[in-house]
């Protein structure tokens, strides 16, 4: 099992619709909106790195209104 946080930036005016669509994606556990350089932190779980890449690249990044992401993969130290 692989867990990750996907830092996400949205196009102005498309945030709400994009978040609604992202919440429907299998593997997305939670979407938290934040202030700062990023607009949201998306908590994702997947069976492996390939499946994680599928969720991030093929689903989250392809969502209308998403303009950028950075994925932080949990390493489980500590």
PDB file of N, CA and C in Angstrom:
ATOM      1  N   UNK A   1       0.843  -1.179   0.000  1.00  0.00           N
ATOM      2  CA  UNK A   1       0.000   0.000   0.000  1.00  0.00           C
ATOM      3  C   UNK A   1       0.886   1.239   0.000  1.00  0.00           C
ATOM      4  N   UNK A   2       0.542   2.208  -0.834  1.00  0.00           N
ATOM      5  CA  UNK A   2       1.281   3.461  -0.937  1.00  0.00           C
ATOM      6  C   UNK A   2       0.332   4.606  -0.606  1.00  0.00           C
ATOM      7  N   UNK A   3       0.785   5.491   0.283  1.00  0.00           N
ATOM      8  CA  UNK A   3       0.007   6.680   0.628  1.00  0.00           C
ATOM      9  C   UNK A   3       0.763   7.907   0.156  1.00  0.00           C
ATOM     10  N   UNK A   4       0.020   8.915  -0.262  1.00  0.00           N
ATOM     11  CA  UNK A   4       0.658  10.135  -0.743  1.00  0.00           C
ATOM     12  C   UNK A   4      -0.226  11.338  -0.483  1.00  0.00           C
ATOM     13  N   UNK A   5       0.418  12.491  -0.478  1.00  0.00           N
ATOM     14  CA  UNK A   5      -0.271  13.777  -0.434  1.00  0.00           C
ATOM     15  C   UNK A   5      -0.003  14.447  -1.770  1.00  0.00           C
ATOM     16  N   UNK A   6      -1.058  14.874  -2.442  1.00  0.00           N
ATOM     17  CA  UNK A   6      -0.907  15.537  -3.730  1.00  0.00           C
ATOM     18  C   UNK A   6      -1.242  17.014  -3.529  1.00  0.00           C
ATOM     19  N   UNK A   7      -0.206  17.855  -3.569  1.00  0.00           N
ATOM     20  CA  UNK A   7      -0.396  19.303  -3.470  1.00  0.00           C
ATOM     21  C   UNK A   7      -0.934  19.753  -4.820  1.00  0.00           C
ATOM     22  N   UNK A   8      -2.022  20.516  -4.798  1.00  0.00           N
ATOM     23  CA  UNK A   8      -2.729  20.822  -6.044  1.00  0.00           C
ATOM     24  C   UNK A   8      -3.041  22.305  -6.159  1.00  0.00           C
ATOM     25  N   UNK A   9      -2.889  22.807  -7.377  1.00  0.00           N
ATOM     26  CA  UNK A   9      -3.222  24.198  -7.692  1.00  0.00           C
ATOM     27  C   UNK A   9      -4.364  24.181  -8.714  1.00  0.00           C
ATOM     28  N   UNK A  10      -5.362  25.066  -8.509  1.00  0.00           N
ATOM     29  CA  UNK A  10      -6.528  25.122  -9.383  1.00  0.00           C
ATOM     30  C   UNK A  10      -6.576  26.412 -10.189  1.00  0.00           C
ATOM     31  N   UNK A  11      -7.261  26.347 -11.308  1.00  0.00           N
ATOM     32  CA  UNK A  11      -7.550  27.534 -12.098  1.00  0.00           C
ATOM     33  C   UNK A  11      -8.595  28.354 -11.335  1.00  0.00           C
ATOM     34  N   UNK A  12      -8.404  29.662 -11.299  1.00  0.00           N
ATOM     35  CA  UNK A  12      -9.327  30.544 -10.588  1.00  0.00           C
ATOM     36  C   UNK A  12     -10.740  30.368 -11.136  1.00  0.00           C
ATOM     37  N   UNK A  13     -11.691  30.187 -10.220  1.00  0.00           N
ATOM     38  CA  UNK A  13     -13.089  30.032 -10.590  1.00  0.00           C
ATOM     39  C   UNK A  13     -13.526  28.601 -10.835  1.00  0.00           C
ATOM     40  N   UNK A  14     -12.564  27.650 -10.884  1.00  0.00           N
ATOM     41  CA  UNK A  14     -12.918  26.253 -11.135  1.00  0.00           C
ATOM     42  C   UNK A  14     -12.635  25.353  -9.937  1.00  0.00           C
ATOM     43  N   UNK A  15     -12.318  25.960  -8.809  1.00  0.00           N
ATOM     44  CA  UNK A  15     -11.932  25.192  -7.631  1.00  0.00           C
ATOM     45  C   UNK A  15     -13.024  24.232  -7.161  1.00  0.00           C
ATOM     46  N   UNK A  16     -14.226  24.750  -6.952  1.00  0.00           N
ATOM     47  CA  UNK A  16     -15.301  23.925  -6.380  1.00  0.00           C
ATOM     48  C   UNK A  16     -15.651  22.735  -7.261  1.00  0.00           C
ATOM     49  N   UNK A  17     -15.783  22.957  -8.559  1.00  0.00           N
ATOM     50  CA  UNK A  17     -16.128  21.877  -9.485  1.00  0.00           C
ATOM     51  C   UNK A  17     -15.010  20.836  -9.538  1.00  0.00           C
ATOM     52  N   UNK A  18     -13.764  21.300  -9.573  1.00  0.00           N
ATOM     53  CA  UNK A  18     -12.629  20.375  -9.608  1.00  0.00           C
ATOM     54  C   UNK A  18     -12.589  19.521  -8.342  1.00  0.00           C
ATOM     55  N   UNK A  19     -12.810  20.137  -7.188  1.00  0.00           N
ATOM     56  CA  UNK A  19     -12.799  19.394  -5.926  1.00  0.00           C
ATOM     57  C   UNK A  19     -13.906  18.352  -5.902  1.00  0.00           C
ATOM     58  N   UNK A  20     -15.092  18.702  -6.376  1.00  0.00           N
ATOM     59  CA  UNK A  20     -16.201  17.741  -6.443  1.00  0.00           C
ATOM     60  C   UNK A  20     -15.810  16.531  -7.280  1.00  0.00           C
ATOM     61  N   UNK A  21     -15.167  16.766  -8.422  1.00  0.00           N
ATOM     62  CA  UNK A  21     -14.766  15.672  -9.314  1.00  0.00           C
ATOM     63  C   UNK A  21     -13.641  14.838  -8.701  1.00  0.00           C
ATOM     64  N   UNK A  22     -12.688  15.480  -8.080  1.00  0.00           N
ATOM     65  CA  UNK A  22     -11.563  14.766  -7.477  1.00  0.00           C
ATOM     66  C   UNK A  22     -12.030  13.867  -6.341  1.00  0.00           C
ATOM     67  N   UNK A  23     -12.991  14.306  -5.557  1.00  0.00           N
ATOM     68  CA  UNK A  23     -13.505  13.492  -4.444  1.00  0.00           C
ATOM     69  C   UNK A  23     -14.124  12.179  -4.922  1.00  0.00           C
ATOM     70  N   UNK A  24     -14.539  12.107  -6.171  1.00  0.00           N
ATOM     71  CA  UNK A  24     -15.151  10.900  -6.742  1.00  0.00           C
ATOM     72  C   UNK A  24     -14.121   9.877  -7.227  1.00  0.00           C
ATOM     73  N   UNK A  25     -12.860  10.256  -7.302  1.00  0.00           N
ATOM     74  CA  UNK A  25     -11.821   9.383  -7.852  1.00  0.00           C
ATOM     75  C   UNK A  25     -11.486   8.276  -6.846  1.00  0.00           C
ATOM     76  N   UNK A  26     -11.529   7.008  -7.293  1.00  0.00           N
ATOM     77  CA  UNK A  26     -11.141   5.916  -6.394  1.00  0.00           C
ATOM     78  C   UNK A  26      -9.702   6.103  -5.913  1.00  0.00           C
ATOM     79  N   UNK A  27      -9.487   5.934  -4.624  1.00  0.00           N
ATOM     80  CA  UNK A  27      -8.166   6.112  -4.037  1.00  0.00           C
ATOM     81  C   UNK A  27      -7.999   7.447  -3.339  1.00  0.00           C
ATOM     82  N   UNK A  28      -8.855   8.416  -3.660  1.00  0.00           N
ATOM     83  CA  UNK A  28      -8.802   9.711  -2.985  1.00  0.00           C
ATOM     84  C   UNK A  28      -9.517   9.569  -1.645  1.00  0.00           C
ATOM     85  N   UNK A  29      -8.777   9.787  -0.569  1.00  0.00           N
ATOM     86  CA  UNK A  29      -9.339   9.644   0.780  1.00  0.00           C
ATOM     87  C   UNK A  29      -9.923  10.941   1.302  1.00  0.00           C
ATOM     88  N   UNK A  30      -9.258  12.054   0.962  1.00  0.00           N
ATOM     89  CA  UNK A  30      -9.661  13.336   1.538  1.00  0.00           C
ATOM     90  C   UNK A  30      -9.094  14.466   0.691  1.00  0.00           C
ATOM     91  N   UNK A  31      -9.832  15.564   0.631  1.00  0.00           N
ATOM     92  CA  UNK A  31      -9.354  16.779  -0.032  1.00  0.00           C
ATOM     93  C   UNK A  31      -9.464  17.908   0.980  1.00  0.00           C
ATOM     94  N   UNK A  32      -8.319  18.520   1.287  1.00  0.00           N
ATOM     95  CA  UNK A  32      -8.297  19.648   2.227  1.00  0.00           C
ATOM     96  C   UNK A  32      -7.869  20.892   1.462  1.00  0.00           C
ATOM     97  N   UNK A  33      -8.687  21.942   1.514  1.00  0.00           N
ATOM     98  CA  UNK A  33      -8.300  23.199   0.883  1.00  0.00           C
ATOM     99  C   UNK A  33      -7.433  23.984   1.850  1.00  0.00           C
ATOM    100  N   UNK A  34      -6.439  24.681   1.285  1.00  0.00           N
ATOM    101  CA  UNK A  34      -5.470  25.400   2.105  1.00  0.00           C
ATOM    102  C   UNK A  34      -5.146  26.749   1.461  1.00  0.00           C
ATOM    103  N   UNK A  35      -4.577  27.648   2.257  1.00  0.00           N
ATOM    104  CA  UNK A  35      -4.062  28.911   1.748  1.00  0.00           C
ATOM    105  C   UNK A  35      -2.563  28.752   1.523  1.00  0.00           C
ATOM    106  N   UNK A  36      -2.017  29.478   0.559  1.00  0.00           N
ATOM    107  CA  UNK A  36      -0.585  29.444   0.315  1.00  0.00           C
ATOM    108  C   UNK A  36      -0.297  29.192  -1.152  1.00  0.00           C
ATOM    109  N   UNK A  37       0.870  28.627  -1.425  1.00  0.00           N
ATOM    110  CA  UNK A  37       1.283  28.364  -2.801  1.00  0.00           C
ATOM    111  C   UNK A  37       0.405  27.306  -3.465  1.00  0.00           C
ATOM    112  N   UNK A  38      -0.186  26.443  -2.674  1.00  0.00           N
ATOM    113  CA  UNK A  38      -1.067  25.382  -3.170  1.00  0.00           C
ATOM    114  C   UNK A  38      -2.482  25.669  -2.704  1.00  0.00           C
ATOM    115  N   UNK A  39      -3.465  25.148  -3.440  1.00  0.00           N
ATOM    116  CA  UNK A  39      -4.869  25.376  -3.108  1.00  0.00           C
ATOM    117  C   UNK A  39      -5.492  24.227  -2.330  1.00  0.00           C
ATOM    118  N   UNK A  40      -4.924  23.023  -2.489  1.00  0.00           N
ATOM    119  CA  UNK A  40      -5.486  21.860  -1.806  1.00  0.00           C
ATOM    120  C   UNK A  40      -4.414  20.815  -1.570  1.00  0.00           C
ATOM    121  N   UNK A  41      -4.644  19.999  -0.531  1.00  0.00           N
ATOM    122  CA  UNK A  41      -3.833  18.820  -0.263  1.00  0.00           C
ATOM    123  C   UNK A  41      -4.789  17.642  -0.393  1.00  0.00           C
ATOM    124  N   UNK A  42      -4.461  16.734  -1.312  1.00  0.00           N
ATOM    125  CA  UNK A  42      -5.313  15.572  -1.568  1.00  0.00           C
ATOM    126  C   UNK A  42      -4.616  14.344  -1.010  1.00  0.00           C
ATOM    127  N   UNK A  43      -5.283  13.650  -0.096  1.00  0.00           N
ATOM    128  CA  UNK A  43      -4.747  12.424   0.477  1.00  0.00           C
ATOM    129  C   UNK A  43      -5.179  11.264  -0.411  1.00  0.00           C
ATOM    130  N   UNK A  44      -4.184  10.475  -0.861  1.00  0.00           N
ATOM    131  CA  UNK A  44      -4.438   9.394  -1.807  1.00  0.00           C
ATOM    132  C   UNK A  44      -3.818   8.111  -1.288  1.00  0.00           C
ATOM    133  N   UNK A  45      -4.478   6.984  -1.548  1.00  0.00           N
ATOM    134  CA  UNK A  45      -3.915   5.669  -1.263  1.00  0.00           C
ATOM    135  C   UNK A  45      -4.038   4.815  -2.514  1.00  0.00           C
ATOM    136  N   UNK A  46      -3.049   3.939  -2.704  1.00  0.00           N
ATOM    137  CA  UNK A  46      -3.042   3.063  -3.877  1.00  0.00           C
ATOM    138  C   UNK A  46      -2.311   1.775  -3.528  1.00  0.00           C
ATOM    139  N   UNK A  47      -2.509   0.751  -4.352  1.00  0.00           N
ATOM    140  CA  UNK A  47      -1.869  -0.544  -4.098  1.00  0.00           C
ATOM    141  C   UNK A  47      -0.366  -0.518  -4.335  1.00  0.00           C
ATOM    142  N   UNK A  48       0.115   0.371  -5.203  1.00  0.00           N
ATOM    143  CA  UNK A  48       1.539   0.466  -5.506  1.00  0.00           C
ATOM    144  C   UNK A  48       1.838   1.759  -6.239  1.00  0.00           C
ATOM    145  N   UNK A  49       3.101   1.948  -6.618  1.00  0.00           N
ATOM    146  CA  UNK A  49       3.491   3.185  -7.289  1.00  0.00           C
ATOM    147  C   UNK A  49       2.831   3.340  -8.656  1.00  0.00           C
ATOM    148  N   UNK A  50       2.679   2.251  -9.396  1.00  0.00           N
ATOM    149  CA  UNK A  50       2.014   2.331 -10.705  1.00  0.00           C
ATOM    150  C   UNK A  50       0.580   2.808 -10.545  1.00  0.00           C
ATOM    151  N   UNK A  51      -0.132   2.245  -9.582  1.00  0.00           N
ATOM    152  CA  UNK A  51      -1.517   2.643  -9.336  1.00  0.00           C
ATOM    153  C   UNK A  51      -1.600   4.083  -8.843  1.00  0.00           C
ATOM    154  N   UNK A  52      -0.635   4.487  -8.018  1.00  0.00           N
ATOM    155  CA  UNK A  52      -0.586   5.873  -7.561  1.00  0.00           C
ATOM    156  C   UNK A  52      -0.381   6.808  -8.753  1.00  0.00           C
ATOM    157  N   UNK A  53       0.535   6.455  -9.627  1.00  0.00           N
ATOM    158  CA  UNK A  53       0.772   7.268 -10.826  1.00  0.00           C
ATOM    159  C   UNK A  53      -0.487   7.365 -11.674  1.00  0.00           C
ATOM    160  N   UNK A  54      -1.224   6.281 -11.786  1.00  0.00           N
ATOM    161  CA  UNK A  54      -2.475   6.296 -12.554  1.00  0.00           C
ATOM    162  C   UNK A  54      -3.465   7.289 -11.948  1.00  0.00           C
ATOM    163  N   UNK A  55      -3.594   7.278 -10.627  1.00  0.00           N
ATOM    164  CA  UNK A  55      -4.522   8.193  -9.959  1.00  0.00           C
ATOM    165  C   UNK A  55      -4.084   9.640 -10.168  1.00  0.00           C
ATOM    166  N   UNK A  56      -2.807   9.909  -9.963  1.00  0.00           N
ATOM    167  CA  UNK A  56      -2.320  11.288 -10.050  1.00  0.00           C
ATOM    168  C   UNK A  56      -2.283  11.779 -11.490  1.00  0.00           C
ATOM    169  N   UNK A  57      -1.638  11.031 -12.365  1.00  0.00           N
ATOM    170  CA  UNK A  57      -1.428  11.495 -13.744  1.00  0.00           C
ATOM    171  C   UNK A  57      -2.694  11.388 -14.579  1.00  0.00           C
ATOM    172  N   UNK A  58      -3.349  10.238 -14.516  1.00  0.00           N
ATOM    173  CA  UNK A  58      -4.500   9.998 -15.401  1.00  0.00           C
ATOM    174  C   UNK A  58      -5.817  10.545 -14.875  1.00  0.00           C
ATOM    175  N   UNK A  59      -5.899  10.785 -13.571  1.00  0.00           N
ATOM    176  CA  UNK A  59      -7.177  11.219 -13.022  1.00  0.00           C
ATOM    177  C   UNK A  59      -7.118  12.635 -12.439  1.00  0.00           C
ATOM    178  N   UNK A  60      -6.264  12.857 -11.433  1.00  0.00           N
ATOM    179  CA  UNK A  60      -6.232  14.170 -10.782  1.00  0.00           C
ATOM    180  C   UNK A  60      -5.744  15.246 -11.744  1.00  0.00           C
ATOM    181  N   UNK A  61      -4.607  15.021 -12.386  1.00  0.00           N
ATOM    182  CA  UNK A  61      -4.053  16.039 -13.294  1.00  0.00           C
ATOM    183  C   UNK A  61      -4.927  16.302 -14.505  1.00  0.00           C
ATOM    184  N   UNK A  62      -5.760  15.330 -14.876  1.00  0.00           N
ATOM    185  CA  UNK A  62      -6.644  15.496 -16.035  1.00  0.00           C
ATOM    186  C   UNK A  62      -7.985  16.128 -15.667  1.00  0.00           C
ATOM    187  N   UNK A  63      -8.202  16.399 -14.399  1.00  0.00           N
ATOM    188  CA  UNK A  63      -9.439  17.025 -13.955  1.00  0.00           C
ATOM    189  C   UNK A  63      -9.480  18.473 -14.426  1.00  0.00           C
ATOM    190  N   UNK A  64     -10.590  18.866 -15.030  1.00  0.00           N
ATOM    191  CA  UNK A  64     -10.748  20.239 -15.503  1.00  0.00           C
ATOM    192  C   UNK A  64     -10.583  21.207 -14.337  1.00  0.00           C
ATOM    193  N   UNK A  65      -9.705  22.168 -14.502  1.00  0.00           N
ATOM    194  CA  UNK A  65      -9.462  23.162 -13.459  1.00  0.00           C
ATOM    195  C   UNK A  65      -8.172  22.954 -12.695  1.00  0.00           C
ATOM    196  N   UNK A  66      -7.560  21.783 -12.811  1.00  0.00           N
ATOM    197  CA  UNK A  66      -6.280  21.524 -12.158  1.00  0.00           C
ATOM    198  C   UNK A  66      -5.168  22.061 -13.052  1.00  0.00           C
ATOM    199  N   UNK A  67      -4.310  22.912 -12.491  1.00  0.00           N
ATOM    200  CA  UNK A  67      -3.222  23.487 -13.286  1.00  0.00           C
ATOM    201  C   UNK A  67      -1.836  23.050 -12.817  1.00  0.00           C
ATOM    202  N   UNK A  68      -1.751  22.383 -11.682  1.00  0.00           N
ATOM    203  CA  UNK A  68      -0.447  21.904 -11.220  1.00  0.00           C
ATOM    204  C   UNK A  68      -0.561  21.014 -10.016  1.00  0.00           C
ATOM    205  N   UNK A  69       0.379  20.055  -9.921  1.00  0.00           N
ATOM    206  CA  UNK A  69       0.425  19.166  -8.758  1.00  0.00           C
ATOM    207  C   UNK A  69       1.873  18.879  -8.371  1.00  0.00           C
ATOM    208  N   UNK A  70       2.044  18.508  -7.130  1.00  0.00           N
ATOM    209  CA  UNK A  70       3.303  17.972  -6.637  1.00  0.00           C
ATOM    210  C   UNK A  70       2.937  16.844  -5.681  1.00  0.00           C
ATOM    211  N   UNK A  71       3.492  15.670  -5.920  1.00  0.00           N
ATOM    212  CA  UNK A  71       3.127  14.495  -5.132  1.00  0.00           C
ATOM    213  C   UNK A  71       4.202  14.177  -4.115  1.00  0.00           C
ATOM    214  N   UNK A  72       3.779  14.034  -2.864  1.00  0.00           N
ATOM    215  CA  UNK A  72       4.674  13.660  -1.767  1.00  0.00           C
ATOM    216  C   UNK A  72       4.301  12.248  -1.328  1.00  0.00           C
ATOM    217  N   UNK A  73       5.198  11.288  -1.563  1.00  0.00           N
ATOM    218  CA  UNK A  73       4.924   9.890  -1.239  1.00  0.00           C
ATOM    219  C   UNK A  73       5.408   9.594   0.171  1.00  0.00           C
ATOM    220  N   UNK A  74       4.523   8.999   0.959  1.00  0.00           N
ATOM    221  CA  UNK A  74       4.860   8.635   2.338  1.00  0.00           C
ATOM    222  C   UNK A  74       5.919   7.539   2.335  1.00  0.00           C
ATOM    223  N   UNK A  75       6.951   7.703   3.192  1.00  0.00           N
ATOM    224  CA  UNK A  75       8.004   6.696   3.258  1.00  0.00           C
ATOM    225  C   UNK A  75       7.927   5.847   4.516  1.00  0.00           C
ATOM    226  N   UNK A  76       7.169   6.270   5.501  1.00  0.00           N
ATOM    227  CA  UNK A  76       6.925   5.446   6.684  1.00  0.00           C
ATOM    228  C   UNK A  76       8.061   5.370   7.681  1.00  0.00           C
ATOM    229  N   UNK A  77       8.929   6.373   7.707  1.00  0.00           N
ATOM    230  CA  UNK A  77      10.009   6.390   8.701  1.00  0.00           C
ATOM    231  C   UNK A  77       9.464   6.948  10.015  1.00  0.00           C
ATOM    232  N   UNK A  78       9.731   6.243  11.083  1.00  0.00           N
ATOM    233  CA  UNK A  78       9.345   6.759  12.390  1.00  0.00           C
ATOM    234  C   UNK A  78       8.047   6.335  12.905  1.00  0.00           C
TER     235      UNK A  78
END
